[in-house]
Amino acid sequence: MDGAGISESLEGYHIEELSVGMTAVFAKTITEADIVLFAGTSGDMNPIHVNDEYARATRFKGRIAHGFLTGSLISTCLGMKLPGPGCIYVKQDMNFRAPVRPGDTVQARATVVDINRESRRITLETVATVGDTVVIDGQAVMIVPGRRTASA
């Protein structure tokens, strides 16, 4: 997977097609509009995200993006690339390691680390970075559809 853009397919991988080590990447630059829209959608108007004057007086010395806005890029990587459309998000552990600021380009990466074909669940290592800085790391568990078989 090349990480350029979002898959246009309406169907992602089937459990039979996955193997440990498969990796996908999704990258996006976080804009002012992203932060404002996320604040409005989520209701999280914490001034560290939306108020320049307030944020300058914090240890971050300026506004930072919502952690879950950044985390949503991991969701995009999983839901649109690997395993892709049709999968079900079951669990996500996220460790927030560093702030993301307006204008930062975040790269979300997911790598398959375990496959349970019987339960159709996979575990993926997830990480989001800005340059060489890890901003989020963790693991996700997904349910992945199997191939549909024609019934007689």
Protein backbone atom coordinates (compact mmCIF):
# COMPACT_ATOMS: atom_id res chain seq x y z
CA MET A 1 0.00 0.00 0.00
CA ASP A 2 1.38 3.36 -0.94
CA GLY A 3 -0.46 5.58 1.57
CA ALA A 4 -1.45 8.10 -1.12
CA GLY A 5 -5.11 9.00 -0.76
CA ILE A 6 -8.00 6.89 0.43
CA SER A 7 -9.09 3.66 -1.20
CA GLU A 8 -12.13 4.07 -3.43
CA SER A 9 -13.14 0.44 -2.96
CA LEU A 10 -16.31 -0.27 -1.01
CA GLU A 11 -14.88 -3.56 0.17
CA GLY A 12 -11.65 -4.04 2.08
CA TYR A 13 -9.57 -7.11 2.70
CA HIS A 14 -11.17 -10.38 3.69
CA ILE A 15 -9.70 -12.29 6.62
CA GLU A 16 -8.34 -14.91 4.20
CA GLU A 17 -6.25 -12.26 2.41
CA LEU A 18 -4.47 -10.86 5.46
CA SER A 19 -1.02 -11.77 6.77
CA VAL A 20 1.09 -10.65 9.70
CA GLY A 21 3.30 -7.74 8.71
CA MET A 22 0.89 -6.10 6.25
CA THR A 23 1.03 -2.33 6.72
CA ALA A 24 -0.99 0.67 5.57
CA VAL A 25 -0.39 4.40 5.95
CA PHE A 26 -2.68 7.44 5.84
CA ALA A 27 -1.33 10.99 6.09
CA LYS A 28 -3.08 14.32 6.56
CA THR A 29 -2.10 17.86 7.44
CA ILE A 30 -4.17 19.11 10.38
CA THR A 31 -5.72 22.46 9.48
CA GLU A 32 -7.39 25.22 11.47
CA ALA A 33 -10.68 24.13 9.90
CA ASP A 34 -10.16 20.53 11.07
CA ILE A 35 -9.73 21.69 14.67
CA VAL A 36 -12.72 24.05 14.59
CA LEU A 37 -14.97 21.45 12.94
CA PHE A 38 -13.87 18.73 15.37
CA ALA A 39 -14.53 21.06 18.31
CA GLY A 40 -18.01 21.77 16.98
CA THR A 41 -18.79 18.15 16.19
CA SER A 42 -17.47 16.72 19.45
CA GLY A 43 -18.47 19.62 21.71
CA ASP A 44 -14.89 19.71 23.08
CA MET A 45 -14.23 23.45 23.25
CA ASN A 46 -11.27 23.13 25.63
CA PRO A 47 -9.42 26.45 25.18
CA ILE A 48 -6.12 24.61 24.64
CA HIS A 49 -7.59 23.75 21.22
CA VAL A 50 -9.55 26.88 20.30
CA ASN A 51 -8.19 29.91 22.17
CA ASP A 52 -4.79 31.30 21.12
CA GLU A 53 -4.31 33.56 24.15
CA TYR A 54 -5.19 30.84 26.64
CA ALA A 55 -3.05 28.23 24.85
CA ARG A 56 0.04 30.49 24.72
CA ALA A 57 0.02 30.57 28.55
CA THR A 58 0.14 26.75 28.82
CA ARG A 59 3.13 24.42 28.80
CA PHE A 60 2.45 23.86 25.09
CA LYS A 61 2.97 27.58 24.32
CA GLY A 62 0.21 27.47 21.72
CA ARG A 63 -2.88 25.64 20.54
CA ILE A 64 -2.82 21.90 19.98
CA ALA A 65 -5.17 19.62 18.10
CA HIS A 66 -7.59 17.38 19.98
CA GLY A 67 -6.03 13.99 20.74
CA PHE A 68 -9.01 12.20 19.28
CA LEU A 69 -8.84 14.27 16.10
CA THR A 70 -5.34 12.88 15.63
CA GLY A 71 -6.54 9.43 16.70
CA SER A 72 -9.27 9.57 14.07
CA LEU A 73 -6.56 9.37 11.41
CA ILE A 74 -5.72 5.91 12.77
CA SER A 75 -9.40 5.06 12.36
CA THR A 76 -9.23 6.28 8.74
CA CYS A 77 -6.20 4.10 8.08
CA LEU A 78 -7.99 1.05 9.50
CA GLY A 79 -11.46 1.69 8.09
CA MET A 80 -10.39 2.74 4.62
CA LYS A 81 -7.10 0.94 3.97
CA LEU A 82 -6.22 -2.00 6.24
CA PRO A 83 -8.32 -3.99 6.71
CA GLY A 84 -10.55 -1.43 5.01
CA PRO A 85 -14.27 -1.01 4.29
CA GLY A 86 -16.50 -3.66 5.85
CA CYS A 87 -14.39 -4.16 8.98
CA ILE A 88 -15.66 -3.49 12.49
CA TYR A 89 -13.62 -1.60 15.08
CA VAL A 90 -13.68 -3.54 18.37
CA LYS A 91 -10.94 -1.97 20.47
CA GLN A 92 -8.30 0.76 20.35
CA ASP A 93 -5.65 1.48 22.94
CA MET A 94 -4.01 4.87 22.47
CA ASN A 95 -1.08 6.41 24.29
CA PHE A 96 -0.82 10.14 23.62
CA ARG A 97 2.92 10.89 23.45
CA ALA A 98 3.28 14.40 22.01
CA PRO A 99 1.07 17.28 20.86
CA VAL A 100 -0.06 17.91 17.30
CA ARG A 101 -0.28 21.53 16.22
CA PRO A 102 -2.23 23.21 13.43
CA GLY A 103 -0.22 22.77 10.24
CA ASP A 104 1.43 19.49 11.33
CA THR A 105 1.25 16.58 8.92
CA VAL A 106 0.31 13.41 10.77
CA GLN A 107 1.13 10.00 9.35
CA ALA A 108 -1.00 7.15 10.76
CA ARG A 109 0.37 3.65 10.26
CA ALA A 110 -1.26 0.29 11.03
CA THR A 111 0.56 -3.04 10.93
CA VAL A 112 -1.06 -6.46 11.34
CA VAL A 113 0.59 -8.24 14.30
CA ASP A 114 -1.86 -11.10 14.94
CA ILE A 115 -4.64 -12.89 13.06
CA ASN A 116 -7.30 -15.17 14.54
CA ARG A 117 -9.08 -16.59 11.52
CA GLU A 118 -11.64 -18.52 13.61
CA SER A 119 -12.98 -15.37 15.29
CA ARG A 120 -12.11 -13.22 12.24
CA ARG A 121 -10.30 -10.80 14.56
CA ILE A 122 -6.99 -9.16 13.85
CA THR A 123 -4.72 -7.10 16.07
CA LEU A 124 -2.80 -4.20 14.60
CA GLU A 125 -0.01 -2.07 15.99
CA THR A 126 -1.02 1.55 15.46
CA VAL A 127 1.20 4.61 15.48
CA ALA A 128 0.81 8.23 14.46
CA THR A 129 3.83 10.41 13.85
CA VAL A 130 4.69 13.99 12.98
CA GLY A 131 8.06 13.75 11.29
CA ASP A 132 10.16 11.48 13.50
CA THR A 133 8.07 12.19 16.62
CA VAL A 134 5.58 9.57 17.78
CA VAL A 135 2.42 11.42 18.81
CA ILE A 136 0.20 8.36 19.44
CA ASP A 137 0.94 4.66 19.70
CA GLY A 138 -1.17 1.67 20.64
CA GLN A 139 -3.02 -1.35 19.34
CA ALA A 140 -6.35 -1.94 17.62
CA VAL A 141 -8.55 -5.01 17.29
CA MET A 142 -10.80 -5.36 14.26
CA ILE A 143 -13.36 -7.91 13.06
CA VAL A 144 -12.77 -8.61 9.38
CA PRO A 145 -15.36 -10.18 7.07
CA GLY A 146 -14.65 -13.49 5.39
CA ARG A 147 -15.19 -14.13 1.72
CA ARG A 148 -18.83 -14.50 0.82
CA THR A 149 -19.70 -17.85 -0.59
CA ALA A 150 -22.57 -18.49 -2.95
CA SER A 151 -25.26 -20.66 -1.40
CA ALA A 152 -27.03 -23.27 -3.44
